[in-house]
Amino acid sequence: MYVAVRAFWALTEPRIHAAAQAKNIPIELYYYAEFGLEIFSVERFQKRDPYSNPALFTATFEKLAQAEWIIPQGGGVYRVTDDARAAARELVRAGDGALEQLEFMSAVDATRLVERLRRIVRANEMAPEPPAKWAILERFRAVAENAPRLAWVREALLDLFAYRDDSHRAAWQSFPADGLMWHTFNLVWDNVADTPSDMAQQASLRGYAVEDYVRACNQLTARGWLGRDERPGAFALTPIGRKLRGAVEQLTDAYFYLAWTNLHSSELDALLADLRQLRAHLETAALHDV
């Protein structure tokens, strides 16, 4: 699922960034649509992204408020304007222009794929909690009624992606860790970085300094989830850490895939085959700059 979403982004986001620059629209309005375009606050944003430095959000809020895209309401809360929502729609639809030119999936096949994905989305929305349904309900949907069918496929995938975030956050937040600690833990788990200096470099978009990762590594070590590696300054998962991370993945999957049982096995096989084919076509299109 995520690889298909990334394939969409690779094709549409160059146009989105170009439109933002040409029309002098802050690109953050596009990215922040996943947090909802009604109210901005650090507290709300951390319900979807507890992994980034809150200071990044605060600085961006101030910049957007200065340009009157959002209106301060007091207490670090901002109301998003109609102009901001319209601008976000404009950017998304600029990206959707790349999808209009693609003809590798018939209207019938695309409609069937959308309907299968929507069945899962609807089942997610009606599923019992946990997980708490924040991301899937709050994200801003900018796709136009007359958009290409592939845009509706992408929108349904983003709904699923949002529910996956809800599921994963509910799974790991049952353990004693904050967002920075879990983000640091994941960097080691995913073999992205194992020293605080490498973490700060590889995850620079998260906005944390080396000393932040030093503190998080020390906290994780105190909990027994990480231990010192053989290399100086490096950390590695302990057996306890591996077991805990595996348990979180199992619980995430249990939450996330519950709704997929609404599809018969033959439908699920067809859905996964369609998504694999879709990803391949999108990646080819992006390489050829269609």
C-alpha atoms as a PDB file:
ATOM      1  CA  MET A   1       0.000   0.000   0.000  1.00  0.00           C
ATOM      2  CA  TYR A   2       2.645   2.513   1.040  1.00  0.00           C
ATOM      3  CA  VAL A   3       4.784   1.776  -2.005  1.00  0.00           C
ATOM      4  CA  ALA A   4       1.777   2.536  -4.213  1.00  0.00           C
ATOM      5  CA  VAL A   5       1.241   5.834  -2.386  1.00  0.00           C
ATOM      6  CA  ARG A   6       4.910   6.707  -2.863  1.00  0.00           C
ATOM      7  CA  ALA A   7       4.577   5.932  -6.570  1.00  0.00           C
ATOM      8  CA  PHE A   8       1.696   8.422  -6.792  1.00  0.00           C
ATOM      9  CA  TRP A   9       3.758  11.039  -4.956  1.00  0.00           C
ATOM     10  CA  ALA A  10       6.735  10.548  -7.277  1.00  0.00           C
ATOM     11  CA  LEU A  11       4.506  11.363 -10.223  1.00  0.00           C
ATOM     12  CA  THR A  12       2.336  14.154  -8.827  1.00  0.00           C
ATOM     13  CA  GLU A  13       4.512  16.042  -6.353  1.00  0.00           C
ATOM     14  CA  PRO A  14       6.886  17.636  -8.905  1.00  0.00           C
ATOM     15  CA  ARG A  15       3.829  19.349 -10.414  1.00  0.00           C
ATOM     16  CA  ILE A  16       2.541  20.267  -6.980  1.00  0.00           C
ATOM     17  CA  HIS A  17       5.824  21.902  -6.000  1.00  0.00           C
ATOM     18  CA  ALA A  18       6.001  23.741  -9.333  1.00  0.00           C
ATOM     19  CA  ALA A  19       2.452  25.043  -8.882  1.00  0.00           C
ATOM     20  CA  ALA A  20       3.177  26.156  -5.318  1.00  0.00           C
ATOM     21  CA  GLN A  21       6.182  28.138  -6.495  1.00  0.00           C
ATOM     22  CA  ALA A  22       4.405  29.628  -9.508  1.00  0.00           C
ATOM     23  CA  LYS A  23       1.338  30.682  -7.521  1.00  0.00           C
ATOM     24  CA  ASN A  24       3.228  31.686  -4.343  1.00  0.00           C
ATOM     25  CA  ILE A  25       1.349  29.146  -2.228  1.00  0.00           C
ATOM     26  CA  PRO A  26       3.154  27.726   0.836  1.00  0.00           C
ATOM     27  CA  ILE A  27       3.877  24.063   0.133  1.00  0.00           C
ATOM     28  CA  GLU A  28       3.063  23.335   3.787  1.00  0.00           C
ATOM     29  CA  LEU A  29      -0.640  23.774   2.976  1.00  0.00           C
ATOM     30  CA  TYR A  30      -0.354  20.698   0.770  1.00  0.00           C
ATOM     31  CA  TYR A  31       1.512  18.610   3.320  1.00  0.00           C
ATOM     32  CA  TYR A  32      -0.549  19.785   6.276  1.00  0.00           C
ATOM     33  CA  ALA A  33      -3.758  18.668   4.567  1.00  0.00           C
ATOM     34  CA  GLU A  34      -3.079  15.263   6.115  1.00  0.00           C
ATOM     35  CA  PHE A  35      -3.560  16.892   9.543  1.00  0.00           C
ATOM     36  CA  GLY A  36      -6.868  18.453   8.539  1.00  0.00           C
ATOM     37  CA  LEU A  37      -7.397  21.995   7.309  1.00  0.00           C
ATOM     38  CA  GLU A  38      -9.699  23.332   9.998  1.00  0.00           C
ATOM     39  CA  ILE A  39      -7.606  23.967  13.121  1.00  0.00           C
ATOM     40  CA  PHE A  40      -3.824  24.001  13.465  1.00  0.00           C
ATOM     41  CA  SER A  41      -2.083  23.413  16.786  1.00  0.00           C
ATOM     42  CA  VAL A  42       0.932  21.454  17.926  1.00  0.00           C
ATOM     43  CA  GLU A  43      -1.307  19.242  20.068  1.00  0.00           C
ATOM     44  CA  ARG A  44      -3.466  18.315  17.067  1.00  0.00           C
ATOM     45  CA  PHE A  45      -0.535  17.777  14.730  1.00  0.00           C
ATOM     46  CA  GLN A  46       1.136  15.438  17.186  1.00  0.00           C
ATOM     47  CA  LYS A  47      -1.876  13.143  16.950  1.00  0.00           C
ATOM     48  CA  ARG A  48      -0.684  12.315  13.422  1.00  0.00           C
ATOM     49  CA  ASP A  49       3.017  13.139  13.695  1.00  0.00           C
ATOM     50  CA  PRO A  50       4.403  12.741  17.212  1.00  0.00           C
ATOM     51  CA  TYR A  51       7.832  12.036  15.708  1.00  0.00           C
ATOM     52  CA  SER A  52       8.885  15.527  14.552  1.00  0.00           C
ATOM     53  CA  ASN A  53      10.179  18.382  16.675  1.00  0.00           C
ATOM     54  CA  PRO A  54       7.148  20.482  17.717  1.00  0.00           C
ATOM     55  CA  ALA A  55       9.249  23.615  17.181  1.00  0.00           C
ATOM     56  CA  LEU A  56       9.048  22.972  13.425  1.00  0.00           C
ATOM     57  CA  PHE A  57       5.267  23.203  13.546  1.00  0.00           C
ATOM     58  CA  THR A  58       5.341  26.335  15.682  1.00  0.00           C
ATOM     59  CA  ALA A  59       7.705  28.128  13.293  1.00  0.00           C
ATOM     60  CA  THR A  60       5.562  27.222  10.290  1.00  0.00           C
ATOM     61  CA  PHE A  61       2.367  28.307  12.032  1.00  0.00           C
ATOM     62  CA  GLU A  62       3.900  31.709  12.672  1.00  0.00           C
ATOM     63  CA  LYS A  63       4.928  32.046   9.025  1.00  0.00           C
ATOM     64  CA  LEU A  64       1.479  31.044   7.752  1.00  0.00           C
ATOM     65  CA  ALA A  65      -0.223  33.368  10.230  1.00  0.00           C
ATOM     66  CA  GLN A  66       1.915  36.292   9.121  1.00  0.00           C
ATOM     67  CA  ALA A  67       0.706  35.731   5.557  1.00  0.00           C
ATOM     68  CA  GLU A  68      -2.895  35.339   6.850  1.00  0.00           C
ATOM     69  CA  TRP A  69      -3.348  31.775   5.629  1.00  0.00           C
ATOM     70  CA  ILE A  70      -4.265  30.871   9.211  1.00  0.00           C
ATOM     71  CA  ILE A  71      -5.713  33.093  11.954  1.00  0.00           C
ATOM     72  CA  PRO A  72      -4.442  32.998  15.580  1.00  0.00           C
ATOM     73  CA  GLN A  73      -7.117  32.016  18.087  1.00  0.00           C
ATOM     74  CA  GLY A  74      -4.959  32.186  21.208  1.00  0.00           C
ATOM     75  CA  GLY A  75      -3.138  29.499  23.132  1.00  0.00           C
ATOM     76  CA  GLY A  76      -1.165  28.278  20.117  1.00  0.00           C
ATOM     77  CA  VAL A  77      -4.336  27.460  18.180  1.00  0.00           C
ATOM     78  CA  TYR A  78      -4.949  28.723  14.631  1.00  0.00           C
ATOM     79  CA  ARG A  79      -8.030  28.673  12.423  1.00  0.00           C
ATOM     80  CA  VAL A  80      -7.403  27.749   8.793  1.00  0.00           C
ATOM     81  CA  THR A  81      -8.925  30.153   6.282  1.00  0.00           C
ATOM     82  CA  ASP A  82     -11.085  29.325   3.277  1.00  0.00           C
ATOM     83  CA  ASP A  83      -8.317  30.730   1.074  1.00  0.00           C
ATOM     84  CA  ALA A  84      -5.884  28.206   2.517  1.00  0.00           C
ATOM     85  CA  ARG A  85      -8.220  25.312   1.811  1.00  0.00           C
ATOM     86  CA  ALA A  86      -8.802  26.562  -1.722  1.00  0.00           C
ATOM     87  CA  ALA A  87      -5.045  26.858  -2.244  1.00  0.00           C
ATOM     88  CA  ALA A  88      -4.492  23.292  -1.001  1.00  0.00           C
ATOM     89  CA  ARG A  89      -7.136  22.035  -3.432  1.00  0.00           C
ATOM     90  CA  GLU A  90      -5.431  23.941  -6.238  1.00  0.00           C
ATOM     91  CA  LEU A  91      -2.108  22.268  -5.506  1.00  0.00           C
ATOM     92  CA  VAL A  92      -3.576  18.778  -5.317  1.00  0.00           C
ATOM     93  CA  ARG A  93      -5.407  19.276  -8.595  1.00  0.00           C
ATOM     94  CA  ALA A  94      -2.246  20.536 -10.244  1.00  0.00           C
ATOM     95  CA  GLY A  95      -0.670  17.216  -9.342  1.00  0.00           C
ATOM     96  CA  ASP A  96      -3.689  15.310 -10.597  1.00  0.00           C
ATOM     97  CA  GLY A  97      -2.982  16.704 -14.032  1.00  0.00           C
ATOM     98  CA  ALA A  98      -0.218  14.105 -14.300  1.00  0.00           C
ATOM     99  CA  LEU A  99      -2.803  11.349 -13.817  1.00  0.00           C
ATOM    100  CA  GLU A 100      -5.081  12.511 -16.625  1.00  0.00           C
ATOM    101  CA  GLN A 101      -2.534  11.432 -19.213  1.00  0.00           C
ATOM    102  CA  LEU A 102      -2.258   7.841 -18.004  1.00  0.00           C
ATOM    103  CA  GLU A 103      -4.223   5.191 -19.869  1.00  0.00           C
ATOM    104  CA  PHE A 104      -2.887   1.913 -18.498  1.00  0.00           C
ATOM    105  CA  MET A 105      -6.045   1.197 -16.470  1.00  0.00           C
ATOM    106  CA  SER A 106      -9.527   1.214 -17.956  1.00  0.00           C
ATOM    107  CA  ALA A 107     -12.329   3.193 -16.344  1.00  0.00           C
ATOM    108  CA  VAL A 108     -14.041  -0.074 -15.388  1.00  0.00           C
ATOM    109  CA  ASP A 109     -10.907  -1.488 -13.739  1.00  0.00           C
ATOM    110  CA  ALA A 110     -10.164   1.784 -11.937  1.00  0.00           C
ATOM    111  CA  THR A 111     -13.743   2.036 -10.671  1.00  0.00           C
ATOM    112  CA  ARG A 112     -13.610  -1.541  -9.381  1.00  0.00           C
ATOM    113  CA  LEU A 113     -10.308  -0.842  -7.605  1.00  0.00           C
ATOM    114  CA  VAL A 114     -11.698   2.315  -5.997  1.00  0.00           C
ATOM    115  CA  GLU A 115     -14.778   0.469  -4.775  1.00  0.00           C
ATOM    116  CA  ARG A 116     -12.740  -2.325  -3.198  1.00  0.00           C
ATOM    117  CA  LEU A 117     -10.495   0.160  -1.439  1.00  0.00           C
ATOM    118  CA  ARG A 118     -13.493   2.168  -0.258  1.00  0.00           C
ATOM    119  CA  ARG A 119     -15.074  -0.948   1.236  1.00  0.00           C
ATOM    120  CA  ILE A 120     -12.007  -1.299   3.443  1.00  0.00           C
ATOM    121  CA  VAL A 121     -12.034   2.417   4.283  1.00  0.00           C
ATOM    122  CA  ARG A 122     -15.698   2.287   5.308  1.00  0.00           C
ATOM    123  CA  ALA A 123     -15.063  -0.792   7.422  1.00  0.00           C
ATOM    124  CA  ASN A 124     -12.160   1.008   9.122  1.00  0.00           C
ATOM    125  CA  GLU A 125     -14.411   3.931   9.959  1.00  0.00           C
ATOM    126  CA  MET A 126     -16.944   1.593  11.589  1.00  0.00           C
ATOM    127  CA  ALA A 127     -14.406  -0.639  13.349  1.00  0.00           C
ATOM    128  CA  PRO A 128     -14.323  -0.658  17.162  1.00  0.00           C
ATOM    129  CA  GLU A 129     -11.622   1.290  18.982  1.00  0.00           C
ATOM    130  CA  PRO A 130      -8.733   1.009  19.508  1.00  0.00           C
ATOM    131  CA  PRO A 131      -7.295   2.472  17.447  1.00  0.00           C
ATOM    132  CA  ALA A 132      -8.727   5.921  17.976  1.00  0.00           C
ATOM    133  CA  LYS A 133      -9.782   7.247  14.566  1.00  0.00           C
ATOM    134  CA  TRP A 134      -8.012  10.562  14.235  1.00  0.00           C
ATOM    135  CA  ALA A 135      -5.980  10.625  11.045  1.00  0.00           C
ATOM    136  CA  ILE A 136      -8.561   8.851   8.917  1.00  0.00           C
ATOM    137  CA  LEU A 137     -11.337  11.241   9.994  1.00  0.00           C
ATOM    138  CA  GLU A 138      -9.411  14.515  10.154  1.00  0.00           C
ATOM    139  CA  ARG A 139      -7.396  14.462   6.902  1.00  0.00           C
ATOM    140  CA  PHE A 140      -8.468  17.000   4.288  1.00  0.00           C
ATOM    141  CA  ARG A 141      -9.742  15.454   1.055  1.00  0.00           C
ATOM    142  CA  ALA A 142      -9.094  17.691  -1.924  1.00  0.00           C
ATOM    143  CA  VAL A 143      -9.877  15.415  -4.853  1.00  0.00           C
ATOM    144  CA  ALA A 144     -12.407  16.922  -7.279  1.00  0.00           C
ATOM    145  CA  GLU A 145     -15.562  15.106  -8.350  1.00  0.00           C
ATOM    146  CA  ASN A 146     -14.391  15.241 -11.964  1.00  0.00           C
ATOM    147  CA  ALA A 147     -10.838  14.148 -11.133  1.00  0.00           C
ATOM    148  CA  PRO A 148      -9.286  11.184 -12.953  1.00  0.00           C
ATOM    149  CA  ARG A 149     -10.287   7.838 -11.481  1.00  0.00           C
ATOM    150  CA  LEU A 150      -6.673   7.296 -10.499  1.00  0.00           C
ATOM    151  CA  ALA A 151      -6.955  10.337  -8.227  1.00  0.00           C
ATOM    152  CA  TRP A 152      -9.771   8.560  -6.399  1.00  0.00           C
ATOM    153  CA  VAL A 153      -7.581   5.483  -6.105  1.00  0.00           C
ATOM    154  CA  ARG A 154      -4.878   7.632  -4.532  1.00  0.00           C
ATOM    155  CA  GLU A 155      -7.398   9.236  -2.171  1.00  0.00           C
ATOM    156  CA  ALA A 156      -8.600   5.851  -0.941  1.00  0.00           C
ATOM    157  CA  LEU A 157      -4.998   4.714  -0.455  1.00  0.00           C
ATOM    158  CA  LEU A 158      -4.285   7.845   1.584  1.00  0.00           C
ATOM    159  CA  ASP A 159      -7.306   7.041   3.756  1.00  0.00           C
ATOM    160  CA  LEU A 160      -5.845   3.587   4.353  1.00  0.00           C
ATOM    161  CA  PHE A 161      -2.428   5.095   5.011  1.00  0.00           C
ATOM    162  CA  ALA A 162      -4.003   7.408   7.591  1.00  0.00           C
ATOM    163  CA  TYR A 163      -5.678   4.480   9.349  1.00  0.00           C
ATOM    164  CA  ARG A 164      -2.367   2.618   9.333  1.00  0.00           C
ATOM    165  CA  ASP A 165      -0.901   5.616  11.194  1.00  0.00           C
ATOM    166  CA  ASP A 166      -3.789   5.500  13.661  1.00  0.00           C
ATOM    167  CA  SER A 167      -3.188   1.780  14.173  1.00  0.00           C
ATOM    168  CA  HIS A 168       0.556   2.065  14.655  1.00  0.00           C
ATOM    169  CA  ARG A 169       0.308   5.012  17.033  1.00  0.00           C
ATOM    170  CA  ALA A 170      -2.244   3.154  19.162  1.00  0.00           C
ATOM    171  CA  ALA A 171       0.023   0.095  19.241  1.00  0.00           C
ATOM    172  CA  TRP A 172       3.253   1.752  20.378  1.00  0.00           C
ATOM    173  CA  GLN A 173       1.733   4.361  22.680  1.00  0.00           C
ATOM    174  CA  SER A 174       0.720   1.589  25.058  1.00  0.00           C
ATOM    175  CA  PHE A 175       4.434   1.437  25.952  1.00  0.00           C
ATOM    176  CA  PRO A 176       6.354   4.068  27.987  1.00  0.00           C
ATOM    177  CA  ALA A 177       7.869   6.131  25.169  1.00  0.00           C
ATOM    178  CA  ASP A 178       7.324   9.563  23.681  1.00  0.00           C
ATOM    179  CA  GLY A 179       7.424  10.402  19.983  1.00  0.00           C
ATOM    180  CA  LEU A 180      11.127  11.199  19.863  1.00  0.00           C
ATOM    181  CA  MET A 181      12.003   7.969  21.643  1.00  0.00           C
ATOM    182  CA  TRP A 182       9.888   5.861  19.307  1.00  0.00           C
ATOM    183  CA  HIS A 183      11.253   7.683  16.265  1.00  0.00           C
ATOM    184  CA  THR A 184      14.802   7.014  17.507  1.00  0.00           C
ATOM    185  CA  PHE A 185      13.958   3.383  18.203  1.00  0.00           C
ATOM    186  CA  ASN A 186      12.649   3.039  14.637  1.00  0.00           C
ATOM    187  CA  LEU A 187      15.823   4.498  13.132  1.00  0.00           C
ATOM    188  CA  VAL A 188      17.804   1.698  14.749  1.00  0.00           C
ATOM    189  CA  TRP A 189      15.166  -0.951  13.967  1.00  0.00           C
ATOM    190  CA  ASP A 190      15.042   0.050  10.280  1.00  0.00           C
ATOM    191  CA  ASN A 191      18.858   0.163  10.015  1.00  0.00           C
ATOM    192  CA  VAL A 192      18.687   3.828   9.011  1.00  0.00           C
ATOM    193  CA  ALA A 193      21.125   5.066  11.669  1.00  0.00           C
ATOM    194  CA  ASP A 194      22.638   3.752  14.877  1.00  0.00           C
ATOM    195  CA  THR A 195      24.531   6.749  16.268  1.00  0.00           C
ATOM    196  CA  PRO A 196      23.028  10.067  17.415  1.00  0.00           C
ATOM    197  CA  SER A 197      25.086  12.010  14.868  1.00  0.00           C
ATOM    198  CA  ASP A 198      23.912   9.788  11.999  1.00  0.00           C
ATOM    199  CA  MET A 199      20.339  10.026  13.278  1.00  0.00           C
ATOM    200  CA  ALA A 200      20.426  13.813  13.198  1.00  0.00           C
ATOM    201  CA  GLN A 201      21.790  13.705   9.661  1.00  0.00           C
ATOM    202  CA  GLN A 202      19.582  10.967   8.200  1.00  0.00           C
ATOM    203  CA  ALA A 203      16.391  12.295   9.799  1.00  0.00           C
ATOM    204  CA  SER A 204      17.155  16.006   9.478  1.00  0.00           C
ATOM    205  CA  LEU A 205      13.585  16.746   8.347  1.00  0.00           C
ATOM    206  CA  ARG A 206      12.419  15.781  11.840  1.00  0.00           C
ATOM    207  CA  GLY A 207      14.207  18.836  13.228  1.00  0.00           C
ATOM    208  CA  TYR A 208      16.121  17.259  16.106  1.00  0.00           C
ATOM    209  CA  ALA A 209      19.743  17.938  17.091  1.00  0.00           C
ATOM    210  CA  VAL A 210      22.388  15.376  17.984  1.00  0.00           C
ATOM    211  CA  GLU A 211      21.914  16.009  21.695  1.00  0.00           C
ATOM    212  CA  ASP A 212      18.202  15.187  21.360  1.00  0.00           C
ATOM    213  CA  TYR A 213      19.076  11.780  19.945  1.00  0.00           C
ATOM    214  CA  VAL A 214      21.718  11.254  22.644  1.00  0.00           C
ATOM    215  CA  ARG A 215      19.034  11.810  25.269  1.00  0.00           C
ATOM    216  CA  ALA A 216      16.567   9.501  23.508  1.00  0.00           C
ATOM    217  CA  CYS A 217      19.180   6.741  23.102  1.00  0.00           C
ATOM    218  CA  ASN A 218      20.049   6.983  26.775  1.00  0.00           C
ATOM    219  CA  GLN A 219      16.370   6.729  27.731  1.00  0.00           C
ATOM    220  CA  LEU A 220      15.890   3.702  25.479  1.00  0.00           C
ATOM    221  CA  THR A 221      19.006   2.113  26.946  1.00  0.00           C
ATOM    222  CA  ALA A 222      17.712   2.689  30.471  1.00  0.00           C
ATOM    223  CA  ARG A 223      14.521   0.866  29.493  1.00  0.00           C
ATOM    224  CA  GLY A 224      16.515  -2.029  28.079  1.00  0.00           C
ATOM    225  CA  TRP A 225      15.263  -1.570  24.516  1.00  0.00           C
ATOM    226  CA  LEU A 226      18.644  -0.461  23.133  1.00  0.00           C
ATOM    227  CA  GLY A 227      22.170  -1.381  24.137  1.00  0.00           C
ATOM    228  CA  ARG A 228      25.652  -0.227  23.230  1.00  0.00           C
ATOM    229  CA  ASP A 229      26.990  -1.676  20.002  1.00  0.00           C
ATOM    230  CA  GLU A 230      30.594  -2.698  19.380  1.00  0.00           C
ATOM    231  CA  ARG A 231      31.273   0.453  17.382  1.00  0.00           C
ATOM    232  CA  PRO A 232      31.967   3.559  19.479  1.00  0.00           C
ATOM    233  CA  GLY A 233      28.849   5.659  19.950  1.00  0.00           C
ATOM    234  CA  ALA A 234      26.589   3.149  18.205  1.00  0.00           C
ATOM    235  CA  PHE A 235      23.426   1.509  19.546  1.00  0.00           C
ATOM    236  CA  ALA A 236      21.660  -1.747  18.718  1.00  0.00           C
ATOM    237  CA  LEU A 237      18.362  -3.355  19.620  1.00  0.00           C
ATOM    238  CA  THR A 238      18.447  -5.682  22.610  1.00  0.00           C
ATOM    239  CA  PRO A 239      16.516  -8.975  22.614  1.00  0.00           C
ATOM    240  CA  ILE A 240      13.860  -7.200  24.674  1.00  0.00           C
ATOM    241  CA  GLY A 241      13.763  -4.375  22.155  1.00  0.00           C
ATOM    242  CA  ARG A 242      13.328  -6.776  19.244  1.00  0.00           C
ATOM    243  CA  LYS A 243      10.552  -8.621  21.027  1.00  0.00           C
ATOM    244  CA  LEU A 244       8.782  -5.373  21.885  1.00  0.00           C
ATOM    245  CA  ARG A 245       9.079  -4.018  18.344  1.00  0.00           C
ATOM    246  CA  GLY A 246       7.747  -7.271  16.938  1.00  0.00           C
ATOM    247  CA  ALA A 247       4.787  -7.129  19.326  1.00  0.00           C
ATOM    248  CA  VAL A 248       4.002  -3.574  18.200  1.00  0.00           C
ATOM    249  CA  GLU A 249       4.056  -4.643  14.552  1.00  0.00           C
ATOM    250  CA  GLN A 250       1.733  -7.551  15.294  1.00  0.00           C
ATOM    251  CA  LEU A 251      -0.708  -5.312  17.152  1.00  0.00           C
ATOM    252  CA  THR A 252      -0.539  -2.687  14.387  1.00  0.00           C
ATOM    253  CA  ASP A 253      -1.386  -5.334  11.809  1.00  0.00           C
ATOM    254  CA  ALA A 254      -4.190  -6.704  13.974  1.00  0.00           C
ATOM    255  CA  TYR A 255      -5.807  -3.270  14.107  1.00  0.00           C
ATOM    256  CA  PHE A 256      -5.118  -2.349  10.497  1.00  0.00           C
ATOM    257  CA  TYR A 257      -6.017  -5.548   8.677  1.00  0.00           C
ATOM    258  CA  LEU A 258      -9.200  -6.336  10.575  1.00  0.00           C
ATOM    259  CA  ALA A 259     -11.305  -4.519   7.980  1.00  0.00           C
ATOM    260  CA  TRP A 260      -9.640  -6.355   5.098  1.00  0.00           C
ATOM    261  CA  THR A 261     -11.621  -9.452   6.069  1.00  0.00           C
ATOM    262  CA  ASN A 262     -14.601  -7.739   4.417  1.00  0.00           C
ATOM    263  CA  LEU A 263     -13.125  -8.847   1.098  1.00  0.00           C
ATOM    264  CA  HIS A 264     -13.315 -12.442  -0.069  1.00  0.00           C
ATOM    265  CA  SER A 265      -9.961 -14.108  -0.666  1.00  0.00           C
ATOM    266  CA  SER A 266     -10.400 -13.880  -4.440  1.00  0.00           C
ATOM    267  CA  GLU A 267     -11.192 -10.162  -4.176  1.00  0.00           C
ATOM    268  CA  LEU A 268      -8.189  -9.594  -1.930  1.00  0.00           C
ATOM    269  CA  ASP A 269      -5.894 -11.410  -4.349  1.00  0.00           C
ATOM    270  CA  ALA A 270      -7.233  -9.301  -7.214  1.00  0.00           C
ATOM    271  CA  LEU A 271      -6.847  -6.108  -5.181  1.00  0.00           C
ATOM    272  CA  LEU A 272      -3.227  -6.829  -4.322  1.00  0.00           C
ATOM    273  CA  ALA A 273      -2.468  -7.755  -7.934  1.00  0.00           C
ATOM    274  CA  ASP A 274      -4.057  -4.516  -9.148  1.00  0.00           C
ATOM    275  CA  LEU A 275      -2.016  -2.483  -6.658  1.00  0.00           C
ATOM    276  CA  ARG A 276       1.221  -4.152  -7.719  1.00  0.00           C
ATOM    277  CA  GLN A 277       0.441  -3.462 -11.362  1.00  0.00           C
ATOM    278  CA  LEU A 278      -0.586   0.101 -10.566  1.00  0.00           C
ATOM    279  CA  ARG A 279       2.654   0.731  -8.720  1.00  0.00           C
ATOM    280  CA  ALA A 280       4.723  -0.570 -11.612  1.00  0.00           C
ATOM    281  CA  HIS A 281       2.905   1.619 -14.148  1.00  0.00           C
ATOM    282  CA  LEU A 282       3.169   4.715 -11.946  1.00  0.00           C
ATOM    283  CA  GLU A 283       6.885   4.196 -11.401  1.00  0.00           C
ATOM    284  CA  THR A 284       7.413   3.816 -15.145  1.00  0.00           C
ATOM    285  CA  ALA A 285       5.398   6.961 -15.814  1.00  0.00           C
ATOM    286  CA  ALA A 286       7.420   8.923 -13.256  1.00  0.00           C
ATOM    287  CA  LEU A 287      10.693   7.784 -14.833  1.00  0.00           C
ATOM    288  CA  HIS A 288       9.510   8.967 -18.233  1.00  0.00           C
ATOM    289  CA  ASP A 289       8.138  12.205 -16.736  1.00  0.00           C
ATOM    290  CA  VAL A 290       4.697  11.629 -18.196  1.00  0.00           C
END
